[in-house]
C-alpha atoms as a PDB file:
ATOM      1  CA  MET A   1      22.843   9.254  15.691  1.00  0.00           C
ATOM      2  CA  THR A   2      23.261  12.968  15.040  1.00  0.00           C
ATOM      3  CA  THR A   3      20.705  14.766  12.894  1.00  0.00           C
ATOM      4  CA  ASP A   4      21.063  17.569  10.358  1.00  0.00           C
ATOM      5  CA  PRO A   5      18.119  19.971  10.798  1.00  0.00           C
ATOM      6  CA  ILE A   6      18.540  21.451   7.301  1.00  0.00           C
ATOM      7  CA  LEU A   7      18.583  18.009   5.673  1.00  0.00           C
ATOM      8  CA  ASP A   8      15.622  16.912   7.798  1.00  0.00           C
ATOM      9  CA  ALA A   9      13.643  19.989   6.701  1.00  0.00           C
ATOM     10  CA  LYS A  10      14.426  19.328   3.025  1.00  0.00           C
ATOM     11  CA  LYS A  11      13.263  15.736   3.350  1.00  0.00           C
ATOM     12  CA  ALA A  12      10.094  16.711   5.217  1.00  0.00           C
ATOM     13  CA  ALA A  13       9.114  19.181   2.484  1.00  0.00           C
ATOM     14  CA  LEU A  14       9.926  16.659  -0.232  1.00  0.00           C
ATOM     15  CA  ARG A  15       7.833  13.968   1.475  1.00  0.00           C
ATOM     16  CA  ILE A  16       4.708  16.132   1.230  1.00  0.00           C
ATOM     17  CA  GLU A  17       5.079  16.520  -2.531  1.00  0.00           C
ATOM     18  CA  ALA A  18       6.213  12.917  -3.034  1.00  0.00           C
ATOM     19  CA  ARG A  19       3.107  11.583  -1.278  1.00  0.00           C
ATOM     20  CA  ARG A  20       0.894  13.650  -3.587  1.00  0.00           C
ATOM     21  CA  THR A  21       2.767  12.386  -6.636  1.00  0.00           C
ATOM     22  CA  ARG A  22       2.597   8.752  -5.533  1.00  0.00           C
ATOM     23  CA  LYS A  23      -1.131   8.972  -4.809  1.00  0.00           C
ATOM     24  CA  ALA A  24      -1.756  10.418  -8.280  1.00  0.00           C
ATOM     25  CA  LEU A  25       0.346   7.663  -9.872  1.00  0.00           C
ATOM     26  CA  GLN A  26      -1.637   5.005  -7.991  1.00  0.00           C
ATOM     27  CA  VAL A  27      -4.853   6.374  -9.534  1.00  0.00           C
ATOM     28  CA  GLN A  28      -3.343   6.772 -13.012  1.00  0.00           C
ATOM     29  CA  HIS A  29      -1.613   3.386 -13.128  1.00  0.00           C
ATOM     30  CA  PRO A  30      -3.625   0.696 -11.304  1.00  0.00           C
ATOM     31  CA  GLU A  31      -1.941  -1.876 -13.555  1.00  0.00           C
ATOM     32  CA  ALA A  32       1.587  -1.068 -12.296  1.00  0.00           C
ATOM     33  CA  GLU A  33       1.711  -3.750  -9.568  1.00  0.00           C
ATOM     34  CA  TRP A  34       0.862  -6.499 -12.069  1.00  0.00           C
ATOM     35  CA  MET A  35       3.330  -5.127 -14.608  1.00  0.00           C
ATOM     36  CA  ILE A  36       6.002  -5.251 -11.906  1.00  0.00           C
ATOM     37  CA  ALA A  37       5.028  -8.850 -11.111  1.00  0.00           C
ATOM     38  CA  GLY A  38       5.482  -9.648 -14.800  1.00  0.00           C
ATOM     39  CA  ARG A  39       9.093  -8.514 -14.496  1.00  0.00           C
ATOM     40  CA  ALA A  40      10.047 -11.125 -11.891  1.00  0.00           C
ATOM     41  CA  ASP A  41      12.422 -12.906 -14.302  1.00  0.00           C
ATOM     42  CA  GLU A  42      14.079  -9.608 -15.219  1.00  0.00           C
ATOM     43  CA  LEU A  43      14.585  -8.799 -11.546  1.00  0.00           C
ATOM     44  CA  LEU A  44      16.079 -12.187 -10.703  1.00  0.00           C
ATOM     45  CA  HIS A  45      18.368 -12.116 -13.726  1.00  0.00           C
ATOM     46  CA  SER A  46      19.523  -8.584 -12.866  1.00  0.00           C
ATOM     47  CA  VAL A  47      20.454  -9.468  -9.287  1.00  0.00           C
ATOM     48  CA  SER A  48      21.702 -12.976 -10.215  1.00  0.00           C
ATOM     49  CA  LEU A  49      19.574 -14.885  -7.738  1.00  0.00           C
ATOM     50  CA  GLY A  50      17.967 -18.308  -7.706  1.00  0.00           C
ATOM     51  CA  PRO A  51      15.198 -19.405  -5.333  1.00  0.00           C
ATOM     52  CA  GLY A  52      15.601 -18.158  -1.786  1.00  0.00           C
ATOM     53  CA  VAL A  53      13.711 -15.940   0.666  1.00  0.00           C
ATOM     54  CA  ALA A  54      12.236 -12.671  -0.607  1.00  0.00           C
ATOM     55  CA  ALA A  55      11.374 -10.107   2.052  1.00  0.00           C
ATOM     56  CA  LEU A  56       8.294  -8.136   1.016  1.00  0.00           C
ATOM     57  CA  TYR A  57       6.500  -5.423   3.002  1.00  0.00           C
ATOM     58  CA  LYS A  58       2.867  -4.776   3.902  1.00  0.00           C
ATOM     59  CA  ALA A  59       1.826  -1.952   1.588  1.00  0.00           C
ATOM     60  CA  LEU A  60       0.336   1.089   3.299  1.00  0.00           C
ATOM     61  CA  GLY A  61      -1.452   3.961   1.595  1.00  0.00           C
ATOM     62  CA  ALA A  62      -0.340   4.382  -2.010  1.00  0.00           C
ATOM     63  CA  GLU A  63       2.759   2.187  -1.720  1.00  0.00           C
ATOM     64  CA  ILE A  64       3.256  -0.330  -4.517  1.00  0.00           C
ATOM     65  CA  ASP A  65       1.765  -3.591  -3.246  1.00  0.00           C
ATOM     66  CA  PRO A  66       4.476  -6.272  -3.568  1.00  0.00           C
ATOM     67  CA  ARG A  67       2.068  -9.215  -3.217  1.00  0.00           C
ATOM     68  CA  PRO A  68       1.640  -9.841  -6.977  1.00  0.00           C
ATOM     69  CA  LEU A  69       5.426  -9.924  -7.340  1.00  0.00           C
ATOM     70  CA  GLY A  70       5.660 -12.164  -4.274  1.00  0.00           C
ATOM     71  CA  GLU A  71       3.172 -14.583  -5.796  1.00  0.00           C
ATOM     72  CA  ALA A  72       5.203 -14.633  -9.020  1.00  0.00           C
ATOM     73  CA  LEU A  73       8.343 -15.398  -7.001  1.00  0.00           C
ATOM     74  CA  MET A  74       6.552 -18.182  -5.105  1.00  0.00           C
ATOM     75  CA  ARG A  75       5.724 -19.839  -8.443  1.00  0.00           C
ATOM     76  CA  LYS A  76       9.462 -19.847  -9.092  1.00  0.00           C
ATOM     77  CA  GLY A  77      10.213 -21.641  -5.820  1.00  0.00           C
ATOM     78  CA  TRP A  78      10.804 -18.663  -3.549  1.00  0.00           C
ATOM     79  CA  ARG A  79       9.647 -18.364   0.048  1.00  0.00           C
ATOM     80  CA  LEU A  80       8.428 -15.070   1.486  1.00  0.00           C
ATOM     81  CA  ALA A  81       9.052 -12.997   4.587  1.00  0.00           C
ATOM     82  CA  LEU A  82       7.848  -9.738   6.106  1.00  0.00           C
ATOM     83  CA  PRO A  83       9.685  -7.318   8.408  1.00  0.00           C
ATOM     84  CA  ALA A  84       8.877  -6.749  12.061  1.00  0.00           C
ATOM     85  CA  VAL A  85      10.015  -3.869  14.267  1.00  0.00           C
ATOM     86  CA  ILE A  86      11.387  -5.371  17.472  1.00  0.00           C
ATOM     87  CA  ASP A  87      13.508  -2.376  18.537  1.00  0.00           C
ATOM     88  CA  LEU A  88      12.525   1.209  17.718  1.00  0.00           C
ATOM     89  CA  GLU A  89      16.188   2.169  17.392  1.00  0.00           C
ATOM     90  CA  GLY A  90      17.470  -1.033  15.784  1.00  0.00           C
ATOM     91  CA  PRO A  91      17.272  -2.947  12.502  1.00  0.00           C
ATOM     92  CA  LEU A  92      14.239  -4.873  11.325  1.00  0.00           C
ATOM     93  CA  GLU A  93      13.748  -8.562  11.964  1.00  0.00           C
ATOM     94  CA  PHE A  94      12.463 -10.613   9.026  1.00  0.00           C
ATOM     95  CA  ARG A  95       9.995 -13.424   9.719  1.00  0.00           C
ATOM     96  CA  ALA A  96       8.677 -16.202   7.501  1.00  0.00           C
ATOM     97  CA  TRP A  97       5.305 -15.346   5.987  1.00  0.00           C
ATOM     98  CA  ALA A  98       2.783 -16.740   3.517  1.00  0.00           C
ATOM     99  CA  PRO A  99      -0.098 -14.742   1.956  1.00  0.00           C
ATOM    100  CA  ARG A 100      -2.806 -16.200   4.222  1.00  0.00           C
ATOM    101  CA  ASP A 101      -0.880 -15.892   7.490  1.00  0.00           C
ATOM    102  CA  THR A 102      -2.314 -13.753  10.275  1.00  0.00           C
ATOM    103  CA  LEU A 103      -0.581 -10.447  10.997  1.00  0.00           C
ATOM    104  CA  ALA A 104      -0.409  -8.412  14.206  1.00  0.00           C
ATOM    105  CA  HIS A 105       0.891  -4.947  15.060  1.00  0.00           C
ATOM    106  CA  ASP A 106       4.594  -4.840  15.847  1.00  0.00           C
ATOM    107  CA  LEU A 107       6.377  -2.467  18.248  1.00  0.00           C
ATOM    108  CA  ALA A 108       5.925   0.426  15.782  1.00  0.00           C
ATOM    109  CA  GLY A 109       2.246  -0.354  15.243  1.00  0.00           C
ATOM    110  CA  LEU A 110       2.822  -1.790  11.752  1.00  0.00           C
ATOM    111  CA  PRO A 111       1.363  -5.067  10.437  1.00  0.00           C
ATOM    112  CA  ALA A 112       3.892  -7.868  10.874  1.00  0.00           C
ATOM    113  CA  PRO A 113       4.016 -11.670  11.236  1.00  0.00           C
ATOM    114  CA  LEU A 114       3.238 -13.057  14.679  1.00  0.00           C
ATOM    115  CA  ASP A 115       6.019 -13.475  17.233  1.00  0.00           C
ATOM    116  CA  SER A 116       5.719 -17.233  16.685  1.00  0.00           C
ATOM    117  CA  ALA A 117       6.784 -16.908  13.021  1.00  0.00           C
ATOM    118  CA  PRO A 118      10.401 -18.054  12.610  1.00  0.00           C
ATOM    119  CA  PRO A 119      13.073 -15.435  11.839  1.00  0.00           C
ATOM    120  CA  VAL A 120      14.685 -15.848   8.414  1.00  0.00           C
ATOM    121  CA  ALA A 121      17.653 -14.407   6.524  1.00  0.00           C
ATOM    122  CA  PRO A 122      16.376 -12.871   3.275  1.00  0.00           C
ATOM    123  CA  SER A 123      18.150 -13.445  -0.037  1.00  0.00           C
ATOM    124  CA  LEU A 124      16.409 -10.371  -1.481  1.00  0.00           C
ATOM    125  CA  ILE A 125      14.807  -7.384   0.277  1.00  0.00           C
ATOM    126  CA  LEU A 126      12.067  -5.379  -1.452  1.00  0.00           C
ATOM    127  CA  VAL A 127      11.570  -1.886  -0.090  1.00  0.00           C
ATOM    128  CA  PRO A 128       8.784   0.736  -0.279  1.00  0.00           C
ATOM    129  CA  LEU A 129       9.644   4.348  -1.012  1.00  0.00           C
ATOM    130  CA  LEU A 130       8.252   7.814  -1.636  1.00  0.00           C
ATOM    131  CA  ALA A 131      10.808   8.802  -4.287  1.00  0.00           C
ATOM    132  CA  PHE A 132      14.144   7.633  -5.699  1.00  0.00           C
ATOM    133  CA  ASP A 133      17.006   8.776  -7.909  1.00  0.00           C
ATOM    134  CA  ARG A 134      19.315   6.956 -10.315  1.00  0.00           C
ATOM    135  CA  ARG A 135      22.053   6.629  -7.709  1.00  0.00           C
ATOM    136  CA  GLY A 136      19.752   4.494  -5.575  1.00  0.00           C
ATOM    137  CA  HIS A 137      19.009   7.129  -2.978  1.00  0.00           C
ATOM    138  CA  ARG A 138      15.563   6.616  -1.508  1.00  0.00           C
ATOM    139  CA  LEU A 139      13.153   8.904   0.274  1.00  0.00           C
ATOM    140  CA  GLY A 140      11.368   6.861   2.922  1.00  0.00           C
ATOM    141  CA  GLN A 141       8.887   7.700   5.648  1.00  0.00           C
ATOM    142  CA  GLY A 142      11.612   8.903   7.989  1.00  0.00           C
ATOM    143  CA  GLY A 143      11.670   6.139  10.590  1.00  0.00           C
ATOM    144  CA  GLY A 144      15.148   4.959   9.612  1.00  0.00           C
ATOM    145  CA  PHE A 145      14.264   1.256   9.991  1.00  0.00           C
ATOM    146  CA  TYR A 146      15.435   0.225   6.531  1.00  0.00           C
ATOM    147  CA  ASP A 147      18.593   2.353   6.701  1.00  0.00           C
ATOM    148  CA  ARG A 148      19.606   0.695   9.983  1.00  0.00           C
ATOM    149  CA  THR A 149      18.753  -2.713   8.531  1.00  0.00           C
ATOM    150  CA  PHE A 150      20.794  -2.129   5.372  1.00  0.00           C
ATOM    151  CA  GLU A 151      23.736  -0.842   7.385  1.00  0.00           C
ATOM    152  CA  ALA A 152      23.692  -3.939   9.604  1.00  0.00           C
ATOM    153  CA  LEU A 153      23.258  -6.440   6.767  1.00  0.00           C
ATOM    154  CA  ARG A 154      25.900  -4.851   4.574  1.00  0.00           C
ATOM    155  CA  ARG A 155      28.468  -5.870   7.188  1.00  0.00           C
ATOM    156  CA  SER A 156      27.698  -9.525   6.430  1.00  0.00           C
ATOM    157  CA  PRO A 157      29.846 -11.509   3.959  1.00  0.00           C
ATOM    158  CA  ARG A 158      27.024 -11.786   1.394  1.00  0.00           C
ATOM    159  CA  PRO A 159      24.466  -9.034   1.936  1.00  0.00           C
ATOM    160  CA  PRO A 160      21.165  -9.428   0.084  1.00  0.00           C
ATOM    161  CA  PRO A 161      20.285  -6.970  -2.702  1.00  0.00           C
ATOM    162  CA  PHE A 162      18.045  -4.115  -1.556  1.00  0.00           C
ATOM    163  CA  VAL A 163      15.571  -3.272  -4.314  1.00  0.00           C
ATOM    164  CA  GLY A 164      13.024  -0.467  -4.171  1.00  0.00           C
ATOM    165  CA  LEU A 165       9.558  -0.959  -5.663  1.00  0.00           C
ATOM    166  CA  ALA A 166       8.110   2.164  -7.241  1.00  0.00           C
ATOM    167  CA  TYR A 167       6.128   3.749 -10.014  1.00  0.00           C
ATOM    168  CA  GLU A 168       8.411   5.015 -12.769  1.00  0.00           C
ATOM    169  CA  GLY A 169       7.013   8.500 -12.125  1.00  0.00           C
ATOM    170  CA  GLN A 170       8.492   8.554  -8.599  1.00  0.00           C
ATOM    171  CA  GLU A 171      11.986   9.138  -9.958  1.00  0.00           C
ATOM    172  CA  LEU A 172      13.599  12.499  -9.121  1.00  0.00           C
ATOM    173  CA  ASP A 173      16.884  13.994 -10.321  1.00  0.00           C
ATOM    174  CA  THR A 174      18.340  13.787  -6.847  1.00  0.00           C
ATOM    175  CA  ILE A 175      17.245  12.794  -3.341  1.00  0.00           C
ATOM    176  CA  PRO A 176      18.722  14.720  -0.395  1.00  0.00           C
ATOM    177  CA  HIS A 177      20.776  12.308   1.681  1.00  0.00           C
ATOM    178  CA  GLY A 178      23.173  12.185   4.578  1.00  0.00           C
ATOM    179  CA  PRO A 179      25.912   9.817   5.788  1.00  0.00           C
ATOM    180  CA  HIS A 180      23.447   7.463   7.486  1.00  0.00           C
ATOM    181  CA  ASP A 181      21.175   7.088   4.424  1.00  0.00           C
ATOM    182  CA  GLN A 182      21.804   3.745   2.776  1.00  0.00           C
ATOM    183  CA  PRO A 183      21.376   3.578  -1.022  1.00  0.00           C
ATOM    184  CA  LEU A 184      19.422   0.843  -2.762  1.00  0.00           C
ATOM    185  CA  ASP A 185      21.100  -1.583  -5.137  1.00  0.00           C
ATOM    186  CA  GLY A 186      18.369  -1.050  -7.713  1.00  0.00           C
ATOM    187  CA  ILE A 187      14.784  -0.031  -8.387  1.00  0.00           C
ATOM    188  CA  LEU A 188      12.027  -2.084 -10.028  1.00  0.00           C
ATOM    189  CA  THR A 189       9.170  -0.176 -11.652  1.00  0.00           C
ATOM    190  CA  GLU A 190       6.512  -1.039 -14.212  1.00  0.00           C
ATOM    191  CA  ALA A 191       9.088  -0.003 -16.853  1.00  0.00           C
ATOM    192  CA  GLY A 192      11.730  -2.486 -15.666  1.00  0.00           C
ATOM    193  CA  TYR A 193      14.734  -2.912 -13.384  1.00  0.00           C
ATOM    194  CA  THR A 194      17.362  -0.187 -13.042  1.00  0.00           C
ATOM    195  CA  ALA A 195      20.604  -0.838 -11.178  1.00  0.00           C
ATOM    196  CA  ALA A 196      21.748   2.044  -8.989  1.00  0.00           C
ATOM    197  CA  ARG A 197      24.472   4.016 -10.726  1.00  0.00           C
ATOM    198  CA  LYS A 198      27.601   4.769  -8.716  1.00  0.00           C
ATOM    199  CA  ASP A 199      29.263   6.780 -11.517  1.00  0.00           C
ATOM    200  CA  ILE A 200      26.989   9.843 -11.399  1.00  0.00           C
END
């Protein structure tokens, strides 16, 4: 994959500011994760899904913790999964997971289900982010794991919706992006669900 040094520099500078903003929002809005969990019905209605497998993520730093939302989905009959890095240059693998399951470091050193956990095909993928815009562009940590995963899954006949979890205050007018950056289908914040707009 070719890289654009100017785009990479823009993203790197934006990440510094976005991390500061997200940390401040975490302090200002400790209730946001539970408000997001309270919007589980709104999310499912918006993406037109019944019970299936929801892929969460293990929150790091000031990321929105998806566990309250995951617990709300479990009460509605959903099963949960977490991603695991099995190839540093490839897409993520999703493995079955329940809140009390043991985690271990994956190939990238991130917490993930054990190798013995069965792989699953998610019906819905929830994604962490540093910032987002209304077109669904997402500023991530820069590893490219979710972009490669989205690109691979979007080739399937029925790709799952990719929904970012964020504080409302993480929205920016525009996120710098290149041809390999995969947009989200929508964003769920404490203020509600917003579908990515393709007309702007």
